[in-house]
């Protein structure tokens, strides 16, 4: 009986292990398939370019110029490839614009900036109240109580409420100290040493808020600049796109009143795709196909000046791609700088000994966890952008366009 149970258990464990191994193997197999697919695509692009370059060199060595066949093959291939580039570049611009402001990442940093209790374990508004109460700046009880009432009303002031979080803390502190000094002018018995102690205590906190405020302001400006650059690039791309597609035979509709530029672009590149371009190329070729089935390439190249114009100006599309890559790389540089500045602000909080215990976690653990979580959110944000924007793919696609002006 025992032997039977042991055999059954052993068989069950083998089944579990086999099932797990199968799932693992399937996952690995899918990843390998994806990698092979990408490599095959890159290999096909490279092979196509090498064949085209080989024919070009052969033509030049024989005739000192490209043959009509090679010229048309370049134009035809470039038209199809450019449609792919338009699609990828448009998608990348839209993706980066949408991810410049990441609510999870920015929201977490916003909590650090709050005057209410946040990840650092303290509430700055409570710190102001407790410090004022402990210092007992005024000799008379009623004056101290009046001062406390004024401090409570400062936070609820509409003017203070309109100020961004980190600046709000600094302004609240400044207002509290100014109220104390102003009241001291009218009270001859006030202890100015206690006001200075009150101010010095608050400065331990405002040092952190000032550093964070500076980081947030820089990030806001750089994010706004990134979006502005992307929108300008998008408009330049749209202008180039409309000129090119009309020469290929596609007449884009105007943007609707209720339609965003992103949605409009998605519609256009969805319509003007590689299948559309291949059909247009086939239509052009059919116009010059003779009775013997051969295409009159010389006549076609002399007559179809519009497609030649598109081919001869693809270097501008390449420059637009390079502009995007520059904006993309600059954005990550600015984001890394912002991350470092936020960490420096938290280090100021640690150095000023203002981080408090949270639950059963001591201040040091709160600091360590905070840095770790901030890094994790930054990594998640960056990964989301990198997974949706493949810079290598964009570079490969624009490189697959053989920039050669056909005269």
Protein backbone atom coordinates (compact mmCIF):
# COMPACT_ATOMS: atom_id res chain seq x y z
CA UNK A 1 0.00 0.00 0.00
CA UNK A 2 2.76 2.42 1.00
CA UNK A 3 4.68 1.48 -2.12
CA UNK A 4 1.62 2.24 -4.25
CA UNK A 5 1.19 5.67 -2.64
CA UNK A 6 4.86 6.51 -3.10
CA UNK A 7 4.74 5.50 -6.76
CA UNK A 8 1.63 7.65 -7.30
CA UNK A 9 3.27 10.62 -5.60
CA UNK A 10 6.44 10.16 -7.63
CA UNK A 11 4.41 10.02 -10.84
CA UNK A 12 2.52 13.18 -9.84
CA UNK A 13 5.76 15.06 -9.22
CA UNK A 14 7.10 13.95 -12.60
CA UNK A 15 3.92 15.26 -14.26
CA UNK A 16 4.26 18.63 -12.51
CA UNK A 17 7.93 18.87 -13.45
CA UNK A 18 7.17 17.85 -17.04
CA UNK A 19 4.38 20.43 -17.26
CA UNK A 20 6.61 23.17 -15.88
CA UNK A 21 9.41 22.18 -18.24
CA UNK A 22 6.97 22.26 -21.15
CA UNK A 23 5.78 25.79 -20.26
CA UNK A 24 9.38 26.93 -19.85
CA UNK A 25 10.39 25.29 -23.14
CA UNK A 26 7.44 26.88 -24.97
CA UNK A 27 8.37 30.31 -23.61
CA UNK A 28 12.00 29.92 -24.65
CA UNK A 29 10.93 28.61 -28.06
CA UNK A 30 8.66 31.63 -28.64
CA UNK A 31 11.49 34.02 -27.69
CA UNK A 32 13.90 32.20 -30.01
CA UNK A 33 11.34 32.33 -32.82
CA UNK A 34 10.93 36.09 -32.31
CA UNK A 35 14.70 36.64 -32.36
CA UNK A 36 15.09 34.49 -35.48
CA UNK A 37 12.30 36.46 -37.18
CA UNK A 38 14.04 39.77 -36.44
CA UNK A 39 17.39 38.45 -37.65
CA UNK A 40 15.78 37.13 -40.84
CA UNK A 41 14.20 40.52 -41.48
CA UNK A 42 17.51 42.30 -40.94
CA UNK A 43 19.25 39.76 -43.16
CA UNK A 44 16.71 40.28 -45.97
CA UNK A 45 17.16 44.06 -45.77
CA UNK A 46 20.93 43.71 -45.86
CA UNK A 47 20.79 41.19 -48.71
CA UNK A 48 18.50 43.48 -50.73
CA UNK A 49 20.80 46.47 -50.23
CA UNK A 50 23.91 44.49 -51.14
CA UNK A 51 22.27 43.17 -54.31
CA UNK A 52 21.21 46.68 -55.29
CA UNK A 53 24.67 48.08 -54.59
CA UNK A 54 26.24 45.21 -56.54
CA UNK A 55 24.07 45.95 -59.58
CA UNK A 56 24.83 49.66 -59.27
CA UNK A 57 28.58 49.05 -59.19
CA UNK A 58 28.29 46.63 -62.10
CA UNK A 59 26.38 49.22 -64.16
CA UNK A 60 28.86 51.96 -63.36
CA UNK A 61 31.87 49.78 -64.18
CA UNK A 62 30.37 48.87 -67.57
CA UNK A 63 28.60 52.04 -68.64
CA UNK A 64 29.88 54.73 -66.27
CA UNK A 65 26.22 55.17 -65.19
CA UNK A 66 23.27 53.21 -63.83
CA UNK A 67 21.10 51.26 -66.23
CA UNK A 68 17.42 52.20 -66.51
CA UNK A 69 16.54 48.88 -64.88
CA UNK A 70 18.71 49.59 -61.83
CA UNK A 71 17.40 53.15 -61.58
CA UNK A 72 13.79 51.97 -61.53
CA UNK A 73 14.54 49.20 -59.03
CA UNK A 74 16.06 51.82 -56.71
CA UNK A 75 13.02 54.08 -57.06
CA UNK A 76 10.53 51.24 -56.61
CA UNK A 77 12.31 49.82 -53.55
CA UNK A 78 12.77 53.25 -51.98
CA UNK A 79 9.10 54.15 -52.37
CA UNK A 80 8.03 51.01 -50.49
CA UNK A 81 10.70 51.43 -47.81
CA UNK A 82 9.81 55.10 -47.29
CA UNK A 83 6.19 54.12 -46.50
CA UNK A 84 7.55 51.88 -43.74
CA UNK A 85 9.75 54.70 -42.42
CA UNK A 86 6.81 57.15 -42.32
CA UNK A 87 4.78 54.64 -40.30
CA UNK A 88 7.53 53.84 -37.79
CA UNK A 89 8.64 57.46 -37.33
CA UNK A 90 5.06 58.67 -36.86
CA UNK A 91 4.36 55.93 -34.29
CA UNK A 92 7.59 56.70 -32.41
CA UNK A 93 6.81 60.44 -32.20
CA UNK A 94 3.31 59.74 -30.87
CA UNK A 95 4.59 57.16 -28.36
CA UNK A 96 7.31 59.42 -26.96
CA UNK A 97 4.91 62.37 -26.66
CA UNK A 98 2.46 60.25 -24.68
CA UNK A 99 5.15 58.91 -22.33
CA UNK A 100 6.97 62.14 -21.51
CA UNK A 101 4.63 62.60 -18.55
CA UNK A 102 4.38 59.33 -16.63
CA UNK A 103 1.68 59.56 -13.96
CA UNK A 104 3.03 56.72 -11.80
CA UNK A 105 6.57 58.12 -11.70
CA UNK A 106 5.62 61.81 -11.48
CA UNK A 107 2.85 61.06 -8.98
CA UNK A 108 5.32 59.39 -6.64
CA UNK A 109 7.69 62.37 -6.74
CA UNK A 110 4.70 64.66 -6.20
CA UNK A 111 3.99 62.83 -2.93
CA UNK A 112 7.53 63.67 -1.81
CA UNK A 113 6.80 67.35 -2.44
CA UNK A 114 3.59 67.47 -0.41
CA UNK A 115 3.34 69.46 2.82
CA UNK A 116 1.07 66.67 4.08
CA UNK A 117 2.45 63.38 5.37
CA UNK A 118 4.31 61.57 2.60
CA UNK A 119 6.89 58.83 1.98
CA UNK A 120 9.51 60.59 4.16
CA UNK A 121 7.36 59.97 7.23
CA UNK A 122 6.58 63.56 8.27
CA UNK A 123 3.92 66.18 7.62
CA UNK A 124 5.54 69.58 7.07
CA UNK A 125 2.43 71.48 8.11
CA UNK A 126 2.48 69.53 11.41
CA UNK A 127 6.21 70.26 11.77
CA UNK A 128 5.49 74.01 11.50
CA UNK A 129 2.70 73.83 14.07
CA UNK A 130 4.63 71.68 16.58
CA UNK A 131 7.80 73.76 16.25
CA UNK A 132 5.87 77.01 16.81
CA UNK A 133 4.10 75.47 19.80
CA UNK A 134 7.30 74.13 21.38
CA UNK A 135 9.22 77.38 20.95
CA UNK A 136 6.47 79.46 22.62
CA UNK A 137 7.67 82.61 20.86
CA UNK A 138 5.29 84.92 22.72
CA UNK A 139 5.18 85.31 26.49
CA UNK A 140 1.39 85.57 26.66
CA UNK A 141 -0.64 82.42 26.06
CA UNK A 142 -3.34 84.19 24.02
CA UNK A 143 -0.74 85.62 21.61
CA UNK A 144 0.77 82.18 21.05
CA UNK A 145 -2.70 80.79 20.42
CA UNK A 146 -3.40 83.64 17.99
CA UNK A 147 -0.12 82.90 16.19
CA UNK A 148 -1.09 79.23 15.91
CA UNK A 149 -4.47 80.20 14.42
CA UNK A 150 -2.76 82.38 11.81
CA UNK A 151 -0.39 79.52 10.90
CA UNK A 152 -3.33 77.16 10.39
CA UNK A 153 -4.99 79.63 8.04
CA UNK A 154 -1.82 80.03 5.94
CA UNK A 155 -2.04 76.53 4.46
CA UNK A 156 -5.65 77.08 3.42
CA UNK A 157 -4.82 80.39 1.73
CA UNK A 158 -5.90 80.36 -1.96
CA UNK A 159 -2.57 81.90 -2.97
CA UNK A 160 -0.52 79.18 -1.25
CA UNK A 161 -2.83 76.51 -2.71
CA UNK A 162 -2.07 77.62 -6.26
CA UNK A 163 1.67 77.11 -5.81
CA UNK A 164 3.23 73.75 -6.87
CA UNK A 165 3.79 71.31 -4.02
CA UNK A 166 7.49 71.78 -3.26
CA UNK A 167 7.27 75.56 -3.68
CA UNK A 168 4.17 75.47 -1.49
CA UNK A 169 6.23 74.11 1.41
CA UNK A 170 8.91 76.78 0.97
CA UNK A 171 6.33 79.58 0.71
CA UNK A 172 4.44 78.25 3.72
CA UNK A 173 7.64 78.26 5.77
CA UNK A 174 8.57 81.77 4.61
CA UNK A 175 5.08 83.07 5.42
CA UNK A 176 5.17 81.51 8.89
CA UNK A 177 8.54 83.10 9.70
CA UNK A 178 7.41 86.49 8.32
CA UNK A 179 4.27 86.37 10.48
CA UNK A 180 6.43 85.65 13.53
CA UNK A 181 8.78 88.56 12.84
CA UNK A 182 5.91 90.92 12.00
CA UNK A 183 4.17 90.05 15.26
CA UNK A 184 7.47 90.50 17.09
CA UNK A 185 7.75 94.09 15.88
CA UNK A 186 4.48 94.91 17.67
CA UNK A 187 5.36 92.97 20.83
CA UNK A 188 8.28 94.38 22.80
CA UNK A 189 8.47 91.27 25.00
CA UNK A 190 8.85 88.83 22.11
CA UNK A 191 11.89 86.56 22.21
CA UNK A 192 13.65 87.03 18.84
CA UNK A 193 16.09 84.23 19.66
CA UNK A 194 13.13 81.84 19.70
CA UNK A 195 11.94 83.19 16.33
CA UNK A 196 15.42 82.55 14.93
CA UNK A 197 15.36 79.03 16.40
CA UNK A 198 11.93 78.55 14.81
CA UNK A 199 13.32 79.72 11.46
CA UNK A 200 16.45 77.55 11.75
CA UNK A 201 14.38 74.44 12.47
CA UNK A 202 12.19 75.02 9.41
CA UNK A 203 15.29 75.55 7.26
CA UNK A 204 16.26 71.92 7.86
CA UNK A 205 13.13 71.02 5.90
CA UNK A 206 13.16 73.81 3.33
CA UNK A 207 16.66 72.73 2.28
CA UNK A 208 15.07 69.48 1.07
CA UNK A 209 12.07 71.21 -0.50
CA UNK A 210 14.25 73.78 -2.28
CA UNK A 211 16.38 71.03 -3.83
CA UNK A 212 13.27 69.10 -4.90
CA UNK A 213 11.60 72.26 -6.20
CA UNK A 214 14.64 73.01 -8.37
CA UNK A 215 14.59 69.45 -9.77
CA UNK A 216 10.85 69.59 -10.50
CA UNK A 217 11.08 72.99 -12.19
CA UNK A 218 13.94 71.82 -14.42
CA UNK A 219 12.02 68.65 -15.30
CA UNK A 220 8.83 70.58 -16.10
CA UNK A 221 10.74 72.86 -18.46
CA UNK A 222 12.62 70.00 -20.13
CA UNK A 223 9.43 67.93 -20.55
CA UNK A 224 7.66 70.91 -22.09
CA UNK A 225 10.64 71.48 -24.39
CA UNK A 226 10.63 67.81 -25.46
CA UNK A 227 6.93 67.91 -26.33
CA UNK A 228 7.43 71.18 -28.26
CA UNK A 229 10.30 69.66 -30.26
CA UNK A 230 8.26 66.53 -31.00
CA UNK A 231 5.25 68.54 -32.13
CA UNK A 232 7.44 70.68 -34.42
CA UNK A 233 8.98 67.51 -35.86
CA UNK A 234 5.52 66.01 -36.34
CA UNK A 235 4.38 69.06 -38.33
CA UNK A 236 7.51 68.94 -40.51
CA UNK A 237 6.94 65.23 -41.08
CA UNK A 238 3.31 65.85 -42.01
CA UNK A 239 4.31 68.50 -44.53
CA UNK A 240 6.89 66.18 -46.10
CA UNK A 241 4.45 63.24 -46.04
CA UNK A 242 1.68 65.15 -47.83
CA UNK A 243 4.04 66.34 -50.56
CA UNK A 244 5.42 62.86 -51.17
CA UNK A 245 2.18 60.87 -51.10
CA UNK A 246 0.41 63.19 -53.51
CA UNK A 247 3.22 62.67 -56.01
CA UNK A 248 2.70 58.92 -55.66
CA UNK A 249 -1.04 59.32 -56.28
CA UNK A 250 -2.57 59.41 -52.78
CA UNK A 251 -4.72 62.44 -51.95
CA UNK A 252 -4.96 62.81 -48.16
CA UNK A 253 -8.09 64.30 -46.67
CA UNK A 254 -7.88 67.36 -44.42
CA UNK A 255 -7.79 66.99 -40.66
CA UNK A 256 -11.21 67.14 -39.01
CA UNK A 257 -12.11 69.77 -36.40
CA UNK A 258 -12.53 67.17 -33.65
CA UNK A 259 -9.46 65.15 -34.67
CA UNK A 260 -6.09 65.32 -32.92
CA UNK A 261 -2.89 65.47 -34.93
CA UNK A 262 -1.92 62.05 -33.57
CA UNK A 263 -5.21 60.46 -34.71
CA UNK A 264 -4.92 62.18 -38.09
CA UNK A 265 -1.41 60.84 -38.60
CA UNK A 266 -2.47 57.33 -37.56
CA UNK A 267 -5.21 57.47 -40.19
CA UNK A 268 -2.85 58.68 -42.94
CA UNK A 269 -0.10 56.11 -42.40
CA UNK A 270 -2.77 53.43 -42.11
CA UNK A 271 -4.07 54.34 -45.56
CA UNK A 272 -0.72 55.03 -47.22
CA UNK A 273 0.93 51.70 -46.41
CA UNK A 274 3.31 49.41 -48.28
CA UNK A 275 0.45 47.56 -49.98
CA UNK A 276 -0.90 50.83 -51.34
CA UNK A 277 2.55 51.85 -52.62
CA UNK A 278 3.16 48.47 -54.26
CA UNK A 279 -0.19 48.75 -56.06
CA UNK A 280 0.61 52.29 -57.25
CA UNK A 281 4.01 51.15 -58.53
CA UNK A 282 2.34 48.26 -60.36
CA UNK A 283 -0.18 50.70 -61.88
CA UNK A 284 2.64 52.94 -63.11
CA UNK A 285 4.52 50.00 -64.61
CA UNK A 286 1.38 48.75 -66.39
CA UNK A 287 1.10 52.10 -68.21
CA UNK A 288 4.46 51.48 -69.88
CA UNK A 289 4.18 47.74 -70.45
CA UNK A 290 4.54 46.94 -74.15
CA UNK A 291 2.87 44.15 -76.15
CA UNK A 292 5.86 41.88 -75.60
CA UNK A 293 5.36 42.24 -71.84
CA UNK A 294 8.48 44.34 -71.31
CA UNK A 295 8.35 47.72 -69.60
CA UNK A 296 9.57 50.75 -71.51
CA UNK A 297 11.86 51.86 -68.69
CA UNK A 298 13.42 54.80 -70.54
CA UNK A 299 10.03 56.33 -71.33
CA UNK A 300 8.75 55.68 -67.81
CA UNK A 301 11.76 57.31 -66.15
CA UNK A 302 11.49 60.36 -68.40
CA UNK A 303 7.74 60.74 -67.87
CA UNK A 304 7.15 59.79 -64.23
CA UNK A 305 8.98 62.78 -62.79
CA UNK A 306 6.92 62.85 -59.59
CA UNK A 307 8.12 59.49 -58.29
CA UNK A 308 11.66 60.43 -59.27
CA UNK A 309 11.25 63.62 -57.22
CA UNK A 310 10.11 61.61 -54.18
CA UNK A 311 13.10 59.28 -54.52
CA UNK A 312 15.53 62.16 -54.95
CA UNK A 313 14.39 63.91 -51.77
CA UNK A 314 14.33 61.02 -49.31
CA UNK A 315 17.44 62.41 -47.65
CA UNK A 316 15.14 64.93 -45.92
CA UNK A 317 13.09 62.04 -44.49
CA UNK A 318 16.36 60.61 -43.23
CA UNK A 319 17.18 63.94 -41.54
CA UNK A 320 13.75 63.91 -39.82
CA UNK A 321 14.52 60.45 -38.45
CA UNK A 322 17.86 61.69 -37.14
CA UNK A 323 16.09 64.65 -35.51
CA UNK A 324 13.81 62.25 -33.66
CA UNK A 325 16.73 60.10 -32.52
CA UNK A 326 18.42 63.25 -31.19
CA UNK A 327 15.27 64.32 -29.29
CA UNK A 328 14.85 60.78 -27.94
CA UNK A 329 18.45 60.58 -26.68
CA UNK A 330 18.31 64.09 -25.19
CA UNK A 331 15.07 63.20 -23.39
CA UNK A 332 16.72 60.21 -21.68
CA UNK A 333 19.71 62.36 -20.70
CA UNK A 334 17.38 64.92 -19.10
CA UNK A 335 15.39 62.17 -17.36
CA UNK A 336 18.56 60.67 -15.89
CA UNK A 337 19.60 64.11 -14.67
CA UNK A 338 16.17 64.63 -13.07
CA UNK A 339 16.39 61.25 -11.34
CA UNK A 340 19.81 62.17 -9.92
CA UNK A 341 18.52 65.57 -8.73
CA UNK A 342 15.56 63.96 -6.93
CA UNK A 343 17.93 61.50 -5.24
CA UNK A 344 20.16 64.41 -4.21
CA UNK A 345 17.14 66.17 -2.66
CA UNK A 346 16.32 63.02 -0.68
CA UNK A 347 19.97 62.87 0.42
CA UNK A 348 19.59 66.44 1.73
CA UNK A 349 16.59 65.25 3.77
CA UNK A 350 18.71 62.42 5.17
CA UNK A 351 21.67 64.72 5.93
CA UNK A 352 19.34 67.19 7.71
CA UNK A 353 17.93 64.30 9.76
CA UNK A 354 14.29 65.05 8.90
CA UNK A 355 13.29 61.58 7.65
CA UNK A 356 11.07 59.90 10.23
CA UNK A 357 10.23 56.27 10.99
CA UNK A 358 7.17 54.85 9.25
CA UNK A 359 5.46 52.08 11.19
CA UNK A 360 8.11 49.61 12.32
CA UNK A 361 10.61 50.85 9.74
CA UNK A 362 13.34 53.14 11.12
CA UNK A 363 14.39 56.29 9.26
CA UNK A 364 17.37 54.59 7.54
CA UNK A 365 15.12 51.84 6.19
CA UNK A 366 12.59 54.44 5.02
CA UNK A 367 15.40 56.17 3.11
CA UNK A 368 16.72 52.92 1.59
CA UNK A 369 13.23 51.78 0.54
CA UNK A 370 12.49 55.19 -0.94
CA UNK A 371 15.62 55.20 -3.12
CA UNK A 372 14.91 51.61 -4.19
CA UNK A 373 11.26 52.31 -5.08
CA UNK A 374 12.13 55.51 -6.93
CA UNK A 375 14.69 53.58 -8.98
CA UNK A 376 12.16 50.82 -9.73
CA UNK A 377 9.59 53.34 -10.97
CA UNK A 378 12.23 55.06 -13.12
CA UNK A 379 13.27 51.71 -14.59
CA UNK A 380 9.63 50.79 -15.30
CA UNK A 381 9.07 54.14 -17.02
CA UNK A 382 12.20 53.79 -19.17
CA UNK A 383 11.38 50.18 -20.07
CA UNK A 384 7.89 51.18 -21.23
CA UNK A 385 9.38 53.75 -23.61
CA UNK A 386 12.10 51.43 -24.90
CA UNK A 387 9.61 48.61 -25.51
CA UNK A 388 7.35 50.87 -27.60
CA UNK A 389 10.10 52.83 -29.36
CA UNK A 390 12.69 50.69 -31.13
CA UNK A 391 15.45 53.09 -32.17
CA UNK A 392 17.43 50.29 -33.82
CA UNK A 393 14.42 49.39 -35.98
CA UNK A 394 14.05 53.02 -37.05
CA UNK A 395 17.75 53.24 -37.92
CA UNK A 396 17.60 49.96 -39.84
CA UNK A 397 14.56 51.09 -41.83
CA UNK A 398 16.01 54.43 -42.85
CA UNK A 399 19.32 52.72 -43.68
CA UNK A 400 17.42 50.33 -45.94
CA UNK A 401 16.42 53.34 -48.07
CA UNK A 402 19.15 53.72 -50.68
CA UNK A 403 19.63 57.49 -50.82
CA UNK A 404 20.56 57.98 -54.47
CA UNK A 405 19.40 60.82 -56.70
CA UNK A 406 18.26 59.62 -60.12
CA UNK A 407 19.02 62.33 -62.72
